Protein backbone atom coordinates (compact mmCIF):
# COMPACT_ATOMS: atom_id res chain seq x y z
CA MET A 1 0.09 0.10 0.14
CA ASN A 2 2.91 2.33 -0.14
CA GLU A 3 2.13 3.25 -3.78
CA ASP A 4 -1.22 4.56 -2.45
CA LYS A 5 0.57 7.28 -0.67
CA ALA A 6 2.10 8.48 -3.81
CA ILE A 7 -1.11 8.52 -5.85
CA TRP A 8 -3.90 9.30 -3.17
CA PRO A 9 -3.83 11.85 -0.67
CA PRO A 10 -4.51 10.45 2.94
CA VAL A 11 -8.21 10.12 3.61
CA ASP A 12 -9.81 10.41 7.01
CA PRO A 13 -11.09 6.78 7.88
CA VAL A 14 -13.67 7.96 10.18
CA ARG A 15 -15.22 10.44 7.63
CA ALA A 16 -14.85 8.10 4.63
CA GLY A 17 -16.14 4.95 6.70
CA LEU A 18 -19.29 6.92 8.24
CA SER A 19 -19.98 8.45 4.83
CA GLY A 20 -19.70 5.01 3.17
CA ARG A 21 -16.99 6.09 0.74
CA CYS A 22 -13.90 4.39 -0.59
CA PRO A 23 -11.11 4.25 2.34
CA ARG A 24 -8.35 4.96 -0.30
CA CYS A 25 -9.73 7.78 -2.16
CA GLY A 26 -12.55 8.83 -0.26
CA GLU A 27 -14.81 9.29 -3.27
CA GLY A 28 -16.17 5.92 -4.65
CA ARG A 29 -18.88 4.15 -2.93
CA LEU A 30 -18.23 1.32 -0.56
CA PHE A 31 -21.56 -0.32 -0.44
CA ALA A 32 -23.33 -1.89 -3.44
CA GLY A 33 -26.53 -2.37 -1.43
CA PHE A 34 -27.71 -1.40 2.19
CA LEU A 35 -24.92 -3.50 3.86
CA ARG A 36 -23.41 -5.28 0.92
CA LEU A 37 -19.85 -4.21 0.04
CA GLY A 38 -19.18 -3.43 -3.56
CA ARG A 39 -16.38 -5.27 -5.48
CA ARG A 40 -14.25 -2.49 -6.09
CA CYS A 41 -14.10 1.31 -5.94
CA ALA A 42 -15.44 2.93 -9.25
CA ASN A 43 -13.27 5.89 -8.65
CA CYS A 44 -9.70 4.51 -7.81
CA GLY A 45 -10.17 0.70 -8.53
CA LEU A 46 -9.46 -0.49 -5.01
CA ASP A 47 -10.35 -4.16 -4.51
CA TYR A 48 -12.63 -4.49 -1.62
CA GLY A 49 -11.66 -8.10 -1.27
CA PHE A 50 -9.64 -7.29 1.83
CA ALA A 51 -12.55 -6.16 3.71
CA ASP A 52 -13.86 -8.42 6.37
CA SER A 53 -15.72 -6.71 9.24
CA GLY A 54 -17.01 -9.99 10.67
CA ASP A 55 -19.45 -9.87 13.55
CA GLY A 56 -17.92 -6.43 14.83
CA PRO A 57 -20.46 -4.09 13.57
CA ALA A 58 -23.31 -6.21 14.95
CA VAL A 59 -21.58 -6.47 18.45
CA PHE A 60 -20.91 -2.63 18.64
CA ALA A 61 -24.57 -1.93 17.39
CA ILE A 62 -25.86 -4.37 20.19
CA LEU A 63 -23.70 -2.96 22.97
CA VAL A 64 -24.48 0.60 22.29
CA ILE A 65 -27.93 0.38 21.26
CA GLY A 66 -28.83 -1.86 23.84
CA PHE A 67 -27.45 0.69 26.41
CA ILE A 68 -29.40 3.46 25.05
CA VAL A 69 -32.72 1.69 24.59
CA VAL A 70 -32.53 -0.25 28.03
CA GLY A 71 -31.63 3.04 29.69
CA LEU A 72 -34.53 4.97 28.23
CA ALA A 73 -36.91 2.05 28.85
CA LEU A 74 -35.69 1.81 32.76
CA TRP A 75 -36.06 5.50 32.99
CA LEU A 76 -39.69 5.58 31.48
CA GLU A 77 -40.58 2.61 33.79
CA VAL A 78 -39.19 4.24 36.96
CA THR A 79 -40.68 7.88 36.35
CA THR A 80 -44.04 7.02 34.84
CA ASN A 81 -44.77 3.21 35.57
CA ALA A 82 -45.74 3.06 31.90
CA PRO A 83 -48.07 0.13 30.73
CA LEU A 84 -46.25 -2.99 29.18
CA TRP A 85 -47.77 -2.24 25.83
CA LEU A 86 -46.33 1.45 25.69
CA HIS A 87 -42.68 0.01 26.06
CA PHE A 88 -43.38 -2.49 23.13
CA VAL A 89 -44.57 0.40 20.90
CA LEU A 90 -41.76 2.72 21.80
CA TRP A 91 -38.89 0.47 22.07
CA VAL A 92 -39.15 -2.24 19.62
CA PRO A 93 -39.36 0.29 16.60
CA LEU A 94 -36.56 2.51 18.03
CA THR A 95 -34.39 -0.52 18.60
CA LEU A 96 -34.95 -1.69 14.72
CA VAL A 97 -34.35 1.89 13.29
CA LEU A 98 -31.30 2.60 15.30
CA SER A 99 -29.85 -0.79 14.77
CA MET A 100 -30.28 -0.57 11.05
CA GLY A 101 -28.73 2.71 10.79
CA ALA A 102 -25.81 1.91 13.23
CA LEU A 103 -24.82 -1.43 11.29
CA ARG A 104 -24.30 0.55 8.08
CA LEU A 105 -22.16 3.25 9.74
CA ILE A 106 -20.06 0.84 11.95
CA LYS A 107 -19.36 -1.59 9.09
CA GLY A 108 -18.10 1.32 6.99
CA LEU A 109 -16.00 2.66 9.80
CA LEU A 110 -14.61 -0.78 10.68
CA ILE A 111 -13.65 -1.43 7.03
CA ALA A 112 -11.86 2.08 6.58
CA LEU A 113 -9.95 1.55 9.78
CA GLN A 114 -9.00 -2.07 8.72
CA TYR A 115 -7.64 -0.50 5.41
CA ARG A 116 -5.96 2.44 7.25
CA ASN A 117 -4.20 0.30 9.68
CA LYS A 118 -3.35 -2.40 7.03
CA ALA A 119 -5.14 -5.16 9.13
CA ALA A 120 -5.83 -7.37 6.00
CA GLU A 121 -2.02 -7.90 5.03
CA GLY A 122 -1.49 -10.52 7.57
CA ARG A 123 -4.49 -12.26 6.75
CA LEU A 124 -3.74 -12.30 2.95
CA ASP A 125 -0.07 -13.33 3.71
CA GLU A 126 -1.34 -16.42 5.80
CA THR A 127 -3.54 -17.55 2.87
CA ARG A 128 -0.48 -17.47 0.15
């Protein structure tokens, strides 16, 4: 990836990952679908074959969103003693919406950080 520095200026991995852009050039699209990665960047030609976020995005989403939703649900229960149906109406849709939004953001961020820190190089060397 040394030749990348000569051709492509450094890209902020957080900005590229959260916006779903290529981690090398910051311009091309990272995703071909909602959560499905493209094969390569249309702008710089970077092959996304190195990208393997695994279960990381799901774990981070569960931890962060679970903390938020459970905290809000407990606060509502303690302060208002809300009925069970209200909890279902509020927290199930909120959990689904936050989870779907967070999964894409976190997956893009983890892939951009993986590229920036050259985390895939060791994995590629082991398979050769």
